[in-house]
N, C-alpha and C. Protein backbone atom coordinates (compact mmCIF):
# COMPACT_ATOMS: atom_id res chain seq x y z
N MET A 1 5.32 25.64 4.29
CA MET A 1 6.59 26.19 3.84
C MET A 1 6.75 26.01 2.35
N ALA A 2 7.33 27.04 1.74
CA ALA A 2 7.57 26.97 0.30
C ALA A 2 8.76 26.07 0.03
N LYS A 3 8.71 25.37 -1.04
CA LYS A 3 9.81 24.52 -1.44
C LYS A 3 10.94 25.39 -1.97
N ASP A 4 12.14 25.09 -1.56
CA ASP A 4 13.30 25.88 -1.95
C ASP A 4 14.30 24.97 -2.64
N ASN A 5 14.45 25.12 -3.95
CA ASN A 5 15.36 24.27 -4.71
C ASN A 5 16.77 24.81 -4.78
N ASP A 6 17.04 25.93 -4.08
CA ASP A 6 18.37 26.53 -4.14
C ASP A 6 19.31 25.98 -3.08
N ASN A 7 18.89 25.00 -2.31
CA ASN A 7 19.73 24.45 -1.26
C ASN A 7 20.20 23.06 -1.63
N VAL A 8 21.36 22.72 -1.10
CA VAL A 8 21.90 21.37 -1.30
C VAL A 8 21.80 20.63 0.02
N ASP A 9 22.15 19.38 0.02
CA ASP A 9 22.01 18.55 1.22
C ASP A 9 22.80 19.08 2.41
N SER A 10 23.89 19.77 2.19
CA SER A 10 24.70 20.26 3.29
C SER A 10 24.01 21.36 4.07
N GLY A 11 22.89 21.87 3.56
CA GLY A 11 22.18 22.94 4.24
C GLY A 11 22.66 24.32 3.86
N LYS A 12 23.68 24.41 3.03
CA LYS A 12 24.18 25.71 2.60
C LYS A 12 23.52 26.09 1.28
N PRO A 13 23.24 27.38 1.10
CA PRO A 13 22.62 27.80 -0.16
C PRO A 13 23.54 27.50 -1.33
N LYS A 14 22.95 27.00 -2.41
CA LYS A 14 23.72 26.71 -3.61
C LYS A 14 24.21 28.01 -4.24
N ASN A 15 23.31 28.97 -4.39
CA ASN A 15 23.67 30.25 -4.99
C ASN A 15 22.82 31.35 -4.35
N PRO A 16 23.32 31.97 -3.26
CA PRO A 16 22.53 32.97 -2.55
C PRO A 16 22.20 34.20 -3.39
N VAL A 17 23.08 34.60 -4.30
CA VAL A 17 22.81 35.75 -5.15
C VAL A 17 21.64 35.45 -6.07
N LYS A 18 21.61 34.23 -6.60
CA LYS A 18 20.50 33.81 -7.45
C LYS A 18 19.19 33.86 -6.67
N LYS A 19 19.24 33.47 -5.40
CA LYS A 19 18.06 33.48 -4.55
C LYS A 19 17.54 34.91 -4.38
N VAL A 20 18.43 35.86 -4.13
CA VAL A 20 18.03 37.27 -3.99
C VAL A 20 17.41 37.77 -5.29
N ARG A 21 18.04 37.47 -6.42
CA ARG A 21 17.48 37.87 -7.72
C ARG A 21 16.06 37.31 -7.91
N LYS A 22 15.89 36.06 -7.53
CA LYS A 22 14.60 35.39 -7.70
C LYS A 22 13.51 36.09 -6.88
N VAL A 23 13.84 36.46 -5.64
CA VAL A 23 12.86 37.14 -4.80
C VAL A 23 12.54 38.52 -5.37
N ILE A 24 13.54 39.27 -5.77
CA ILE A 24 13.31 40.60 -6.33
C ILE A 24 12.44 40.50 -7.57
N ARG A 25 12.71 39.53 -8.42
CA ARG A 25 11.92 39.36 -9.65
C ARG A 25 10.47 39.03 -9.34
N SER A 26 10.24 38.23 -8.30
CA SER A 26 8.87 37.80 -8.00
C SER A 26 8.10 38.81 -7.15
N VAL A 27 8.78 39.69 -6.47
CA VAL A 27 8.13 40.70 -5.63
C VAL A 27 8.52 42.06 -6.18
N ARG A 28 7.74 42.58 -7.09
CA ARG A 28 8.10 43.82 -7.81
C ARG A 28 8.04 45.06 -6.93
N VAL A 29 7.17 45.06 -5.91
CA VAL A 29 7.04 46.25 -5.07
C VAL A 29 7.75 45.99 -3.75
N ALA A 30 8.66 46.89 -3.42
CA ALA A 30 9.45 46.79 -2.21
C ALA A 30 9.07 47.93 -1.27
N MET A 31 9.46 47.81 -0.02
CA MET A 31 9.32 48.91 0.92
C MET A 31 10.70 49.56 1.06
N LEU A 32 10.76 50.84 0.70
CA LEU A 32 12.00 51.62 0.81
C LEU A 32 11.95 52.41 2.10
N THR A 33 12.96 52.26 2.95
CA THR A 33 13.02 52.98 4.21
C THR A 33 14.16 54.00 4.15
N THR A 34 13.81 55.25 4.47
CA THR A 34 14.77 56.34 4.52
C THR A 34 14.81 56.88 5.94
N VAL A 35 15.79 57.75 6.21
CA VAL A 35 15.91 58.40 7.51
C VAL A 35 15.46 59.84 7.36
N ALA A 36 14.44 60.24 8.13
CA ALA A 36 13.93 61.61 8.09
C ALA A 36 14.88 62.54 8.84
N ALA A 37 14.67 63.84 8.67
CA ALA A 37 15.54 64.85 9.29
C ALA A 37 15.59 64.71 10.82
N ASP A 38 14.49 64.27 11.43
CA ASP A 38 14.46 64.12 12.89
C ASP A 38 15.01 62.77 13.35
N GLY A 39 15.53 61.97 12.42
CA GLY A 39 16.11 60.67 12.75
C GLY A 39 15.13 59.52 12.70
N SER A 40 13.85 59.81 12.52
CA SER A 40 12.86 58.73 12.44
C SER A 40 12.97 58.02 11.09
N LEU A 41 12.49 56.79 11.05
CA LEU A 41 12.52 56.00 9.82
C LEU A 41 11.19 56.14 9.11
N ARG A 42 11.23 56.29 7.78
CA ARG A 42 10.03 56.40 6.96
C ARG A 42 10.10 55.36 5.86
N SER A 43 9.01 54.62 5.69
CA SER A 43 8.96 53.59 4.64
C SER A 43 7.82 53.88 3.69
N ARG A 44 8.05 53.55 2.42
CA ARG A 44 6.99 53.69 1.41
C ARG A 44 7.20 52.65 0.32
N PRO A 45 6.09 52.24 -0.33
CA PRO A 45 6.21 51.23 -1.39
C PRO A 45 6.83 51.83 -2.64
N MET A 46 7.69 51.06 -3.29
CA MET A 46 8.36 51.48 -4.51
C MET A 46 8.42 50.27 -5.46
N ALA A 47 8.21 50.52 -6.74
CA ALA A 47 8.28 49.46 -7.75
C ALA A 47 9.70 49.37 -8.29
N THR A 48 10.31 48.21 -8.17
CA THR A 48 11.66 47.99 -8.68
C THR A 48 11.63 47.98 -10.20
N GLN A 49 12.63 48.60 -10.84
CA GLN A 49 12.61 48.79 -12.28
C GLN A 49 13.39 47.76 -13.08
N GLU A 50 14.38 47.10 -12.50
CA GLU A 50 15.15 46.11 -13.25
C GLU A 50 15.03 44.77 -12.59
N GLU A 51 14.91 43.74 -13.38
CA GLU A 51 14.82 42.40 -12.83
C GLU A 51 16.18 41.74 -12.66
N ASP A 52 17.17 42.16 -13.41
CA ASP A 52 18.48 41.53 -13.37
C ASP A 52 19.34 42.20 -12.31
N PHE A 53 19.10 41.86 -11.06
CA PHE A 53 19.80 42.46 -9.93
C PHE A 53 21.29 42.18 -10.02
N ASP A 54 22.08 43.26 -9.99
CA ASP A 54 23.54 43.11 -10.08
C ASP A 54 24.25 43.94 -9.02
N GLY A 55 23.58 44.20 -7.91
CA GLY A 55 24.19 44.99 -6.86
C GLY A 55 23.64 46.41 -6.80
N GLU A 56 22.74 46.74 -7.74
CA GLU A 56 22.08 48.04 -7.73
C GLU A 56 20.58 47.83 -7.92
N LEU A 57 19.81 48.69 -7.29
CA LEU A 57 18.36 48.70 -7.48
C LEU A 57 17.99 50.06 -8.04
N TRP A 58 16.98 50.10 -8.92
CA TRP A 58 16.55 51.34 -9.56
C TRP A 58 15.06 51.55 -9.35
N PHE A 59 14.70 52.79 -9.03
CA PHE A 59 13.31 53.18 -8.84
C PHE A 59 13.10 54.54 -9.50
N PHE A 60 11.88 54.79 -9.99
CA PHE A 60 11.52 56.13 -10.45
C PHE A 60 10.96 56.90 -9.26
N THR A 61 11.26 58.20 -9.22
CA THR A 61 10.76 59.04 -8.14
C THR A 61 10.62 60.48 -8.62
N ARG A 62 10.03 61.31 -7.79
CA ARG A 62 9.96 62.74 -8.06
C ARG A 62 11.22 63.38 -7.49
N PHE A 63 11.82 64.28 -8.26
CA PHE A 63 13.04 64.93 -7.83
C PHE A 63 12.80 65.78 -6.58
N HIS A 64 11.67 66.48 -6.54
CA HIS A 64 11.31 67.29 -5.37
C HIS A 64 10.22 66.55 -4.60
N SER A 65 10.62 65.83 -3.57
CA SER A 65 9.69 65.08 -2.73
C SER A 65 10.33 64.90 -1.36
N PRO A 66 9.53 64.61 -0.34
CA PRO A 66 10.13 64.34 0.97
C PRO A 66 11.17 63.22 0.93
N LYS A 67 10.90 62.18 0.15
CA LYS A 67 11.83 61.05 0.03
C LYS A 67 13.18 61.53 -0.53
N SER A 68 13.12 62.36 -1.57
CA SER A 68 14.35 62.88 -2.18
C SER A 68 15.10 63.77 -1.21
N ASP A 69 14.37 64.59 -0.47
CA ASP A 69 15.01 65.45 0.54
C ASP A 69 15.71 64.60 1.60
N GLU A 70 15.04 63.54 2.05
CA GLU A 70 15.63 62.67 3.07
C GLU A 70 16.90 62.00 2.55
N ILE A 71 16.89 61.60 1.30
CA ILE A 71 18.06 60.93 0.73
C ILE A 71 19.22 61.90 0.56
N GLN A 72 18.93 63.14 0.24
CA GLN A 72 20.01 64.12 0.11
C GLN A 72 20.64 64.42 1.47
N GLU A 73 19.87 64.26 2.55
CA GLU A 73 20.40 64.47 3.91
C GLU A 73 21.13 63.25 4.44
N ASN A 74 20.58 62.06 4.17
CA ASN A 74 21.15 60.81 4.68
C ASN A 74 20.94 59.74 3.62
N GLN A 75 22.02 59.29 3.02
CA GLN A 75 21.94 58.37 1.88
C GLN A 75 21.71 56.91 2.27
N LYS A 76 21.78 56.59 3.56
CA LYS A 76 21.60 55.20 4.00
C LYS A 76 20.12 54.82 3.91
N VAL A 77 19.84 53.71 3.23
CA VAL A 77 18.47 53.23 3.06
C VAL A 77 18.40 51.73 3.26
N ASN A 78 17.18 51.24 3.40
CA ASN A 78 16.91 49.82 3.44
C ASN A 78 15.77 49.55 2.47
N VAL A 79 15.85 48.44 1.77
CA VAL A 79 14.80 48.02 0.84
C VAL A 79 14.41 46.60 1.25
N ALA A 80 13.10 46.40 1.49
CA ALA A 80 12.63 45.09 1.93
C ALA A 80 11.64 44.51 0.91
N TYR A 81 11.84 43.24 0.58
CA TYR A 81 10.96 42.50 -0.32
C TYR A 81 10.34 41.36 0.48
N VAL A 82 9.02 41.19 0.37
CA VAL A 82 8.33 40.14 1.12
C VAL A 82 7.34 39.42 0.22
N SER A 83 7.41 38.10 0.25
CA SER A 83 6.40 37.25 -0.35
C SER A 83 6.06 36.19 0.70
N ALA A 84 5.15 36.54 1.61
CA ALA A 84 4.79 35.64 2.70
C ALA A 84 4.24 34.31 2.17
N LYS A 85 3.50 34.40 1.06
CA LYS A 85 2.91 33.21 0.46
C LYS A 85 3.98 32.18 0.10
N ASN A 86 5.15 32.65 -0.33
CA ASN A 86 6.24 31.76 -0.75
C ASN A 86 7.37 31.67 0.26
N ASP A 87 7.16 32.21 1.48
CA ASP A 87 8.21 32.23 2.50
C ASP A 87 9.49 32.86 1.98
N ARG A 88 9.37 33.99 1.29
CA ARG A 88 10.54 34.68 0.75
C ARG A 88 10.62 36.09 1.35
N TYR A 89 11.76 36.39 1.96
CA TYR A 89 11.97 37.65 2.63
C TYR A 89 13.40 38.11 2.38
N VAL A 90 13.55 39.34 1.88
CA VAL A 90 14.88 39.89 1.61
C VAL A 90 14.97 41.28 2.20
N SER A 91 16.07 41.57 2.87
CA SER A 91 16.36 42.89 3.41
C SER A 91 17.67 43.36 2.80
N ILE A 92 17.64 44.53 2.17
CA ILE A 92 18.81 45.06 1.48
C ILE A 92 19.18 46.41 2.08
N SER A 93 20.43 46.58 2.46
CA SER A 93 20.94 47.85 2.96
C SER A 93 21.86 48.44 1.91
N GLY A 94 21.83 49.77 1.78
CA GLY A 94 22.70 50.38 0.79
C GLY A 94 22.69 51.89 0.87
N THR A 95 23.29 52.47 -0.14
CA THR A 95 23.42 53.92 -0.26
C THR A 95 22.61 54.38 -1.45
N ALA A 96 21.76 55.38 -1.22
CA ALA A 96 20.88 55.87 -2.28
C ALA A 96 21.40 57.18 -2.85
N SER A 97 21.10 57.40 -4.12
CA SER A 97 21.40 58.68 -4.77
C SER A 97 20.34 58.96 -5.82
N LEU A 98 20.10 60.25 -6.04
CA LEU A 98 19.18 60.67 -7.10
C LEU A 98 19.97 60.84 -8.37
N VAL A 99 19.46 60.30 -9.46
CA VAL A 99 20.18 60.32 -10.73
C VAL A 99 19.25 60.89 -11.80
N ARG A 100 19.80 61.76 -12.61
CA ARG A 100 19.07 62.26 -13.78
C ARG A 100 19.90 61.89 -15.00
N ASP A 101 19.52 60.79 -15.62
CA ASP A 101 20.24 60.24 -16.75
C ASP A 101 19.22 59.84 -17.81
N PRO A 102 19.05 60.66 -18.87
CA PRO A 102 18.03 60.36 -19.89
C PRO A 102 18.17 58.97 -20.51
N GLU A 103 19.38 58.48 -20.69
CA GLU A 103 19.57 57.16 -21.29
C GLU A 103 19.07 56.05 -20.35
N LYS A 104 19.36 56.19 -19.08
CA LYS A 104 18.89 55.19 -18.11
C LYS A 104 17.37 55.26 -17.98
N VAL A 105 16.81 56.47 -18.01
CA VAL A 105 15.36 56.63 -17.98
C VAL A 105 14.74 55.91 -19.17
N LYS A 106 15.31 56.13 -20.34
CA LYS A 106 14.80 55.49 -21.56
C LYS A 106 14.87 53.96 -21.45
N GLU A 107 15.95 53.46 -20.89
CA GLU A 107 16.14 52.02 -20.72
C GLU A 107 15.09 51.41 -19.77
N LEU A 108 14.75 52.12 -18.70
CA LEU A 108 13.87 51.58 -17.67
C LEU A 108 12.40 51.96 -17.82
N TRP A 109 12.10 52.93 -18.67
CA TRP A 109 10.74 53.47 -18.79
C TRP A 109 9.73 52.42 -19.21
N ARG A 110 8.56 52.45 -18.55
CA ARG A 110 7.41 51.63 -18.93
C ARG A 110 6.21 52.56 -19.01
N GLY A 111 5.31 52.30 -19.93
CA GLY A 111 4.16 53.16 -20.18
C GLY A 111 3.31 53.45 -18.97
N GLU A 112 3.16 52.48 -18.07
CA GLU A 112 2.30 52.71 -16.90
C GLU A 112 2.85 53.78 -15.95
N LEU A 113 4.11 54.17 -16.12
CA LEU A 113 4.69 55.23 -15.28
C LEU A 113 4.07 56.59 -15.57
N LYS A 114 3.39 56.72 -16.71
CA LYS A 114 2.73 57.99 -17.05
C LYS A 114 1.68 58.38 -16.01
N ALA A 115 1.15 57.42 -15.28
CA ALA A 115 0.18 57.74 -14.22
C ALA A 115 0.81 58.63 -13.15
N TRP A 116 2.13 58.47 -12.92
CA TRP A 116 2.83 59.28 -11.93
C TRP A 116 3.60 60.43 -12.57
N PHE A 117 3.97 60.26 -13.83
CA PHE A 117 4.74 61.28 -14.54
C PHE A 117 4.03 61.59 -15.85
N PRO A 118 3.00 62.47 -15.80
CA PRO A 118 2.13 62.73 -16.96
C PRO A 118 2.87 63.21 -18.20
N GLU A 119 4.01 63.85 -18.02
CA GLU A 119 4.75 64.34 -19.18
C GLU A 119 5.73 63.29 -19.72
N GLY A 120 5.61 62.08 -19.20
CA GLY A 120 6.43 60.98 -19.69
C GLY A 120 7.89 61.12 -19.32
N LYS A 121 8.74 60.61 -20.19
CA LYS A 121 10.18 60.59 -19.93
C LYS A 121 10.79 61.98 -19.82
N LYS A 122 10.08 62.97 -20.30
CA LYS A 122 10.61 64.34 -20.25
C LYS A 122 10.02 65.15 -19.09
N ASP A 123 9.27 64.50 -18.20
CA ASP A 123 8.68 65.18 -17.05
C ASP A 123 9.80 65.83 -16.24
N PRO A 124 9.71 67.14 -15.97
CA PRO A 124 10.78 67.83 -15.24
C PRO A 124 10.99 67.32 -13.82
N GLU A 125 10.00 66.66 -13.25
CA GLU A 125 10.13 66.13 -11.89
C GLU A 125 10.70 64.71 -11.85
N LEU A 126 10.85 64.10 -13.01
CA LEU A 126 11.30 62.71 -13.09
C LEU A 126 12.77 62.59 -12.68
N ALA A 127 13.02 61.65 -11.80
CA ALA A 127 14.38 61.31 -11.40
C ALA A 127 14.43 59.81 -11.15
N LEU A 128 15.62 59.28 -11.16
CA LEU A 128 15.83 57.89 -10.78
C LEU A 128 16.46 57.85 -9.40
N LEU A 129 16.05 56.87 -8.65
CA LEU A 129 16.65 56.63 -7.36
C LEU A 129 17.46 55.36 -7.50
N LYS A 130 18.76 55.48 -7.32
CA LYS A 130 19.65 54.32 -7.43
C LYS A 130 20.09 53.92 -6.03
N VAL A 131 19.94 52.65 -5.70
CA VAL A 131 20.43 52.12 -4.43
C VAL A 131 21.59 51.20 -4.74
N THR A 132 22.76 51.57 -4.27
CA THR A 132 23.94 50.73 -4.41
C THR A 132 23.99 49.86 -3.16
N VAL A 133 23.84 48.57 -3.36
CA VAL A 133 23.68 47.64 -2.26
C VAL A 133 25.02 47.36 -1.58
N SER A 134 25.00 47.43 -0.24
CA SER A 134 26.19 47.08 0.52
C SER A 134 26.01 45.73 1.23
N LYS A 135 24.77 45.39 1.56
CA LYS A 135 24.51 44.13 2.25
C LYS A 135 23.11 43.65 1.90
N ALA A 136 22.98 42.36 1.75
CA ALA A 136 21.67 41.75 1.54
C ALA A 136 21.55 40.54 2.46
N GLU A 137 20.35 40.34 2.97
CA GLU A 137 20.06 39.17 3.79
C GLU A 137 18.75 38.59 3.30
N TYR A 138 18.65 37.28 3.31
CA TYR A 138 17.36 36.67 3.00
C TYR A 138 17.08 35.55 3.98
N TRP A 139 15.79 35.33 4.19
CA TRP A 139 15.36 34.27 5.07
C TRP A 139 15.30 32.97 4.29
N ASP A 140 16.04 32.00 4.74
CA ASP A 140 16.03 30.67 4.13
C ASP A 140 15.05 29.82 4.94
N ALA A 141 13.81 29.75 4.47
CA ALA A 141 12.74 29.06 5.20
C ALA A 141 13.05 27.58 5.39
N SER A 142 13.68 26.95 4.41
CA SER A 142 13.95 25.51 4.52
C SER A 142 14.96 25.20 5.63
N GLN A 143 15.83 26.18 5.93
CA GLN A 143 16.84 25.97 6.97
C GLN A 143 16.53 26.77 8.24
N ASN A 144 15.43 27.56 8.21
CA ASN A 144 15.01 28.37 9.34
C ASN A 144 16.14 29.28 9.84
N ARG A 145 16.73 30.04 8.89
CA ARG A 145 17.84 30.93 9.25
C ARG A 145 17.98 32.07 8.25
N MET A 146 18.68 33.13 8.66
CA MET A 146 19.00 34.23 7.77
C MET A 146 20.31 33.91 7.06
N VAL A 147 20.41 34.32 5.80
CA VAL A 147 21.64 34.16 5.03
C VAL A 147 22.13 35.55 4.66
N ASP A 148 23.35 35.87 5.06
CA ASP A 148 23.95 37.17 4.76
C ASP A 148 24.75 37.09 3.48
N LEU A 149 24.65 38.13 2.66
CA LEU A 149 25.42 38.21 1.43
C LEU A 149 26.30 39.46 1.47
N SER A 150 27.55 39.29 1.19
CA SER A 150 28.44 40.43 1.04
C SER A 150 28.37 40.88 -0.41
N MET A 151 28.25 42.16 -0.63
CA MET A 151 28.17 42.66 -2.00
C MET A 151 29.55 42.73 -2.65
N GLU A 152 30.55 42.24 -1.97
CA GLU A 152 31.89 42.15 -2.56
C GLU A 152 32.04 40.87 -3.36
N GLN A 153 31.04 40.00 -3.32
CA GLN A 153 31.13 38.75 -4.05
C GLN A 153 31.23 39.02 -5.55
N PRO A 154 32.07 38.29 -6.26
CA PRO A 154 32.24 38.52 -7.69
C PRO A 154 30.94 38.46 -8.47
N GLU A 155 29.99 37.60 -8.04
CA GLU A 155 28.72 37.52 -8.77
C GLU A 155 27.95 38.83 -8.73
N MET A 156 28.19 39.61 -7.69
CA MET A 156 27.46 40.87 -7.53
C MET A 156 28.15 42.02 -8.24
N ARG A 157 29.43 41.95 -8.41
CA ARG A 157 30.18 43.07 -8.98
C ARG A 157 31.01 42.62 -10.17
N GLY A 158 30.42 41.74 -10.95
CA GLY A 158 31.14 41.16 -12.08
C GLY A 158 31.15 42.04 -13.31
N PRO A 159 31.69 41.53 -14.41
CA PRO A 159 31.81 42.30 -15.64
C PRO A 159 30.47 42.67 -16.27
N HIS A 160 29.37 41.97 -15.87
CA HIS A 160 28.07 42.27 -16.45
C HIS A 160 27.50 43.58 -15.89
N ARG A 161 28.09 44.11 -14.80
CA ARG A 161 27.57 45.32 -14.18
C ARG A 161 27.92 46.52 -15.04
N ARG A 162 26.90 47.32 -15.37
CA ARG A 162 27.12 48.49 -16.19
C ARG A 162 27.79 49.59 -15.38
N PRO A 163 28.54 50.48 -16.03
CA PRO A 163 29.15 51.57 -15.30
C PRO A 163 28.06 52.51 -14.76
N ASP A 164 28.39 53.21 -13.68
CA ASP A 164 27.44 54.15 -13.10
C ASP A 164 27.16 55.27 -14.09
N PRO A 165 25.87 55.69 -14.19
CA PRO A 165 25.55 56.80 -15.08
C PRO A 165 26.06 58.12 -14.49
N VAL A 166 26.23 59.08 -15.35
CA VAL A 166 26.68 60.39 -14.91
C VAL A 166 25.54 61.05 -14.16
N GLU A 167 25.84 61.60 -12.98
CA GLU A 167 24.83 62.26 -12.19
C GLU A 167 24.88 63.75 -12.44
N THR A 168 23.73 64.37 -12.61
CA THR A 168 23.63 65.79 -12.86
C THR A 168 23.46 66.52 -11.54
N PRO A 169 24.26 67.57 -11.28
CA PRO A 169 24.11 68.31 -10.02
C PRO A 169 22.72 68.91 -9.92
N ALA A 170 22.19 68.92 -8.72
CA ALA A 170 20.89 69.52 -8.46
C ALA A 170 21.06 71.03 -8.36
N PRO A 171 19.98 71.80 -8.48
CA PRO A 171 20.07 73.24 -8.30
C PRO A 171 20.71 73.55 -6.94
N GLY A 172 21.57 74.53 -6.92
CA GLY A 172 22.24 74.89 -5.67
C GLY A 172 23.55 74.14 -5.49
N GLY A 173 23.93 73.31 -6.44
CA GLY A 173 25.23 72.65 -6.40
C GLY A 173 25.26 71.29 -5.75
N ALA A 174 24.22 70.87 -5.06
CA ALA A 174 24.21 69.56 -4.42
C ALA A 174 24.03 68.48 -5.47
N GLN A 175 24.61 67.31 -5.21
CA GLN A 175 24.41 66.20 -6.13
C GLN A 175 22.95 65.80 -6.11
N GLY A 176 22.37 65.56 -7.32
CA GLY A 176 20.96 65.21 -7.41
C GLY A 176 20.73 63.76 -7.44
């Protein structure tokens, strides 16, 4: 078992939000699960773009892709982070949306993304996938239990949280 310094003697987590941030920071690739048109669940690996988790997760994606189509039909998603080596497991539920915001793209862009978006930040297929978290759970290995986090906690929705970027409508009038 991995040593967990976020717990106090009472067995309650000292700072569960800090624990979730720590797992997200250490496990950069998550599994994003969407709901397909037939109701089946589809999961795929996605690289998280920001380390300072504040109740939102950001991913780069293609605007025209099966994943994007699924999200436009059903915005409910799950994002799972796993580090079996460190006994760290996080499950995040939330609402996803496609965002086209050049300033946010510029803020999150890393050079290695050119492998997926050859035209760089101006690639016409480039979009951001924003997951607004409604619930997070993590496995507390030291206590052998799940810890639920409400995203209504002030630490998750505090003054450090940036305002939502403006979303550009997709062709045909649907939100992108």
